[in-house]
Amino acid sequence: MNINSKVREIRKSKGITQVFVAKQLGIAVQTYNGYELGRREIKAETLRNIASILNEPVENFFDNNLYDSKKNESKEAI
């Protein structure tokens, strides 16, 4: 799952609307919708702001499997 989809999933799980997040960011709803649909790239600063609005650690927007596979590679090398 990509970051855009993860943002959408977390926002919806908290019952927060796109309108609310867009207003908090000071951007148009269409712009925010573009982030969630992957039509627009979410810059690091914007992701930090979204994480803050959703009261969620930034790490939760990333695929943990990526980090798990890197950890396993390190263990196999030992």
N, C-alpha and C. Protein backbone atom coordinates (compact mmCIF):
# COMPACT_ATOMS: atom_id res chain seq x y z
N MET A 1 0.85 -1.18 0.00
CA MET A 1 0.00 0.00 0.00
C MET A 1 0.90 1.24 0.00
N ASN A 2 0.58 2.19 -0.86
CA ASN A 2 1.41 3.40 -0.93
C ASN A 2 0.97 4.42 0.13
N ILE A 3 1.77 5.45 0.27
CA ILE A 3 1.51 6.48 1.29
C ILE A 3 0.16 7.14 1.07
N ASN A 4 -0.17 7.44 -0.19
CA ASN A 4 -1.43 8.11 -0.49
C ASN A 4 -2.62 7.29 0.03
N SER A 5 -2.60 6.00 -0.26
CA SER A 5 -3.68 5.11 0.18
C SER A 5 -3.72 5.01 1.69
N LYS A 6 -2.54 4.99 2.31
CA LYS A 6 -2.45 4.88 3.76
C LYS A 6 -3.04 6.13 4.43
N VAL A 7 -2.78 7.30 3.85
CA VAL A 7 -3.35 8.55 4.38
C VAL A 7 -4.87 8.45 4.35
N ARG A 8 -5.39 8.00 3.23
CA ARG A 8 -6.85 7.87 3.09
C ARG A 8 -7.41 6.88 4.11
N GLU A 9 -6.76 5.72 4.22
CA GLU A 9 -7.22 4.67 5.13
C GLU A 9 -7.25 5.16 6.58
N ILE A 10 -6.18 5.81 7.00
CA ILE A 10 -6.10 6.30 8.39
C ILE A 10 -7.14 7.39 8.63
N ARG A 11 -7.25 8.32 7.67
CA ARG A 11 -8.24 9.41 7.83
C ARG A 11 -9.64 8.84 7.97
N LYS A 12 -10.00 7.90 7.09
CA LYS A 12 -11.34 7.33 7.13
C LYS A 12 -11.58 6.54 8.42
N SER A 13 -10.54 5.84 8.89
CA SER A 13 -10.69 5.03 10.11
C SER A 13 -10.98 5.92 11.33
N LYS A 14 -10.58 7.17 11.25
CA LYS A 14 -10.81 8.11 12.35
C LYS A 14 -12.10 8.91 12.18
N GLY A 15 -12.79 8.68 11.06
CA GLY A 15 -14.05 9.39 10.82
C GLY A 15 -13.86 10.86 10.50
N ILE A 16 -12.71 11.20 9.95
CA ILE A 16 -12.40 12.60 9.62
C ILE A 16 -12.62 12.80 8.12
N THR A 17 -13.21 13.93 7.75
CA THR A 17 -13.50 14.19 6.33
C THR A 17 -12.31 14.83 5.62
N GLN A 18 -12.32 14.69 4.31
CA GLN A 18 -11.32 15.38 3.49
C GLN A 18 -11.47 16.88 3.63
N VAL A 19 -12.68 17.36 3.75
CA VAL A 19 -12.94 18.79 3.91
C VAL A 19 -12.24 19.32 5.16
N PHE A 20 -12.36 18.59 6.26
CA PHE A 20 -11.73 19.01 7.52
C PHE A 20 -10.21 19.09 7.36
N VAL A 21 -9.60 18.04 6.81
CA VAL A 21 -8.14 18.02 6.66
C VAL A 21 -7.69 19.13 5.73
N ALA A 22 -8.38 19.31 4.62
CA ALA A 22 -8.01 20.35 3.66
C ALA A 22 -8.08 21.74 4.30
N LYS A 23 -9.13 21.99 5.09
CA LYS A 23 -9.24 23.29 5.77
C LYS A 23 -8.10 23.49 6.75
N GLN A 24 -7.74 22.45 7.49
CA GLN A 24 -6.65 22.54 8.44
C GLN A 24 -5.31 22.82 7.74
N LEU A 25 -5.15 22.24 6.54
CA LEU A 25 -3.93 22.46 5.76
C LEU A 25 -3.94 23.80 5.03
N GLY A 26 -5.14 24.39 4.89
CA GLY A 26 -5.26 25.65 4.15
C GLY A 26 -5.17 25.46 2.65
N ILE A 27 -5.68 24.31 2.18
CA ILE A 27 -5.65 24.02 0.74
C ILE A 27 -7.06 23.67 0.28
N ALA A 28 -7.24 23.63 -1.04
CA ALA A 28 -8.54 23.25 -1.61
C ALA A 28 -8.78 21.76 -1.39
N VAL A 29 -10.05 21.40 -1.24
CA VAL A 29 -10.41 19.99 -1.07
C VAL A 29 -9.94 19.17 -2.27
N GLN A 30 -10.03 19.75 -3.46
CA GLN A 30 -9.61 19.05 -4.67
C GLN A 30 -8.11 18.72 -4.61
N THR A 31 -7.33 19.62 -4.06
CA THR A 31 -5.89 19.38 -3.92
C THR A 31 -5.65 18.22 -2.96
N TYR A 32 -6.34 18.26 -1.82
CA TYR A 32 -6.18 17.18 -0.84
C TYR A 32 -6.64 15.85 -1.43
N ASN A 33 -7.76 15.87 -2.14
CA ASN A 33 -8.26 14.66 -2.77
C ASN A 33 -7.21 14.09 -3.73
N GLY A 34 -6.52 14.96 -4.44
CA GLY A 34 -5.45 14.54 -5.34
C GLY A 34 -4.33 13.82 -4.59
N TYR A 35 -4.03 14.25 -3.38
CA TYR A 35 -3.03 13.57 -2.56
C TYR A 35 -3.47 12.14 -2.28
N GLU A 36 -4.70 12.00 -1.81
CA GLU A 36 -5.18 10.67 -1.44
C GLU A 36 -5.31 9.73 -2.63
N LEU A 37 -5.65 10.27 -3.78
CA LEU A 37 -5.81 9.44 -4.97
C LEU A 37 -4.50 9.18 -5.70
N GLY A 38 -3.43 9.80 -5.23
CA GLY A 38 -2.13 9.59 -5.86
C GLY A 38 -1.91 10.43 -7.11
N ARG A 39 -2.78 11.39 -7.35
CA ARG A 39 -2.61 12.28 -8.50
C ARG A 39 -1.61 13.40 -8.20
N ARG A 40 -1.38 13.62 -6.91
CA ARG A 40 -0.43 14.65 -6.48
C ARG A 40 0.55 14.00 -5.52
N GLU A 41 1.78 14.44 -5.59
CA GLU A 41 2.81 13.95 -4.69
C GLU A 41 2.68 14.65 -3.34
N ILE A 42 2.75 13.87 -2.26
CA ILE A 42 2.70 14.45 -0.92
C ILE A 42 4.13 14.74 -0.48
N LYS A 43 4.44 16.00 -0.33
CA LYS A 43 5.78 16.39 0.12
C LYS A 43 5.91 16.07 1.62
N ALA A 44 7.14 15.93 2.08
CA ALA A 44 7.42 15.53 3.46
C ALA A 44 6.75 16.46 4.47
N GLU A 45 6.85 17.75 4.26
CA GLU A 45 6.26 18.71 5.18
C GLU A 45 4.74 18.57 5.23
N THR A 46 4.13 18.36 4.08
CA THR A 46 2.68 18.17 4.03
C THR A 46 2.28 16.90 4.76
N LEU A 47 3.06 15.84 4.58
CA LEU A 47 2.77 14.59 5.27
C LEU A 47 2.88 14.76 6.78
N ARG A 48 3.88 15.50 7.22
CA ARG A 48 4.00 15.79 8.66
C ARG A 48 2.77 16.54 9.17
N ASN A 49 2.30 17.50 8.38
CA ASN A 49 1.11 18.27 8.78
C ASN A 49 -0.14 17.39 8.81
N ILE A 50 -0.29 16.52 7.82
CA ILE A 50 -1.43 15.59 7.79
C ILE A 50 -1.36 14.67 9.00
N ALA A 51 -0.18 14.15 9.29
CA ALA A 51 -0.01 13.26 10.45
C ALA A 51 -0.42 13.98 11.73
N SER A 52 -0.04 15.23 11.85
CA SER A 52 -0.39 16.02 13.03
C SER A 52 -1.91 16.21 13.13
N ILE A 53 -2.54 16.54 12.02
CA ILE A 53 -3.99 16.74 11.99
C ILE A 53 -4.71 15.46 12.38
N LEU A 54 -4.21 14.32 11.89
CA LEU A 54 -4.84 13.04 12.17
C LEU A 54 -4.37 12.44 13.49
N ASN A 55 -3.47 13.15 14.18
CA ASN A 55 -2.92 12.69 15.45
C ASN A 55 -2.35 11.28 15.32
N GLU A 56 -1.46 11.14 14.34
CA GLU A 56 -0.89 9.84 13.99
C GLU A 56 0.61 10.02 13.74
N PRO A 57 1.44 9.10 14.23
CA PRO A 57 2.88 9.22 13.94
C PRO A 57 3.14 9.07 12.43
N VAL A 58 4.07 9.82 11.91
CA VAL A 58 4.39 9.78 10.48
C VAL A 58 4.74 8.36 10.03
N GLU A 59 5.40 7.61 10.89
CA GLU A 59 5.83 6.25 10.55
C GLU A 59 4.65 5.36 10.14
N ASN A 60 3.48 5.65 10.66
CA ASN A 60 2.31 4.83 10.37
C ASN A 60 1.82 4.96 8.92
N PHE A 61 2.36 5.92 8.19
CA PHE A 61 1.95 6.10 6.80
C PHE A 61 2.84 5.31 5.83
N PHE A 62 3.84 4.66 6.38
CA PHE A 62 4.76 3.89 5.55
C PHE A 62 4.50 2.41 5.71
N ASP A 63 4.86 1.64 4.70
CA ASP A 63 4.67 0.20 4.69
C ASP A 63 5.71 -0.44 5.60
N ASN A 64 5.26 -1.02 6.70
CA ASN A 64 6.17 -1.64 7.66
C ASN A 64 6.89 -2.85 7.08
N ASN A 65 6.32 -3.49 6.07
CA ASN A 65 6.97 -4.66 5.47
C ASN A 65 8.33 -4.30 4.89
N LEU A 66 8.45 -3.11 4.37
CA LEU A 66 9.72 -2.66 3.81
C LEU A 66 10.80 -2.68 4.89
N TYR A 67 10.47 -2.16 6.05
CA TYR A 67 11.43 -2.11 7.13
C TYR A 67 11.71 -3.50 7.68
N ASP A 68 10.69 -4.36 7.75
CA ASP A 68 10.87 -5.72 8.22
C ASP A 68 11.82 -6.49 7.31
N SER A 69 11.68 -6.31 5.99
CA SER A 69 12.55 -7.03 5.07
C SER A 69 14.00 -6.56 5.21
N LYS A 70 14.20 -5.27 5.45
CA LYS A 70 15.56 -4.76 5.66
C LYS A 70 16.16 -5.34 6.94
N LYS A 71 15.34 -5.48 7.99
CA LYS A 71 15.82 -6.06 9.24
C LYS A 71 16.22 -7.52 9.02
N ASN A 72 15.41 -8.25 8.27
CA ASN A 72 15.71 -9.66 8.00
C ASN A 72 17.00 -9.81 7.20
N GLU A 73 17.23 -8.92 6.25
CA GLU A 73 18.47 -8.97 5.47
C GLU A 73 19.67 -8.78 6.39
N SER A 74 19.55 -7.89 7.34
CA SER A 74 20.65 -7.63 8.28
C SER A 74 20.93 -8.86 9.13
N LYS A 75 19.88 -9.55 9.58
CA LYS A 75 20.05 -10.74 10.41
C LYS A 75 20.68 -11.87 9.62
N GLU A 76 20.30 -11.99 8.34
CA GLU A 76 20.85 -13.06 7.50
C GLU A 76 22.33 -12.84 7.22
N ALA A 77 22.76 -11.61 7.21
CA ALA A 77 24.16 -11.29 6.91
C ALA A 77 25.08 -11.63 8.09
N ILE A 78 24.50 -11.79 9.28
CA ILE A 78 25.32 -12.04 10.49
C ILE A 78 25.72 -13.48 10.58
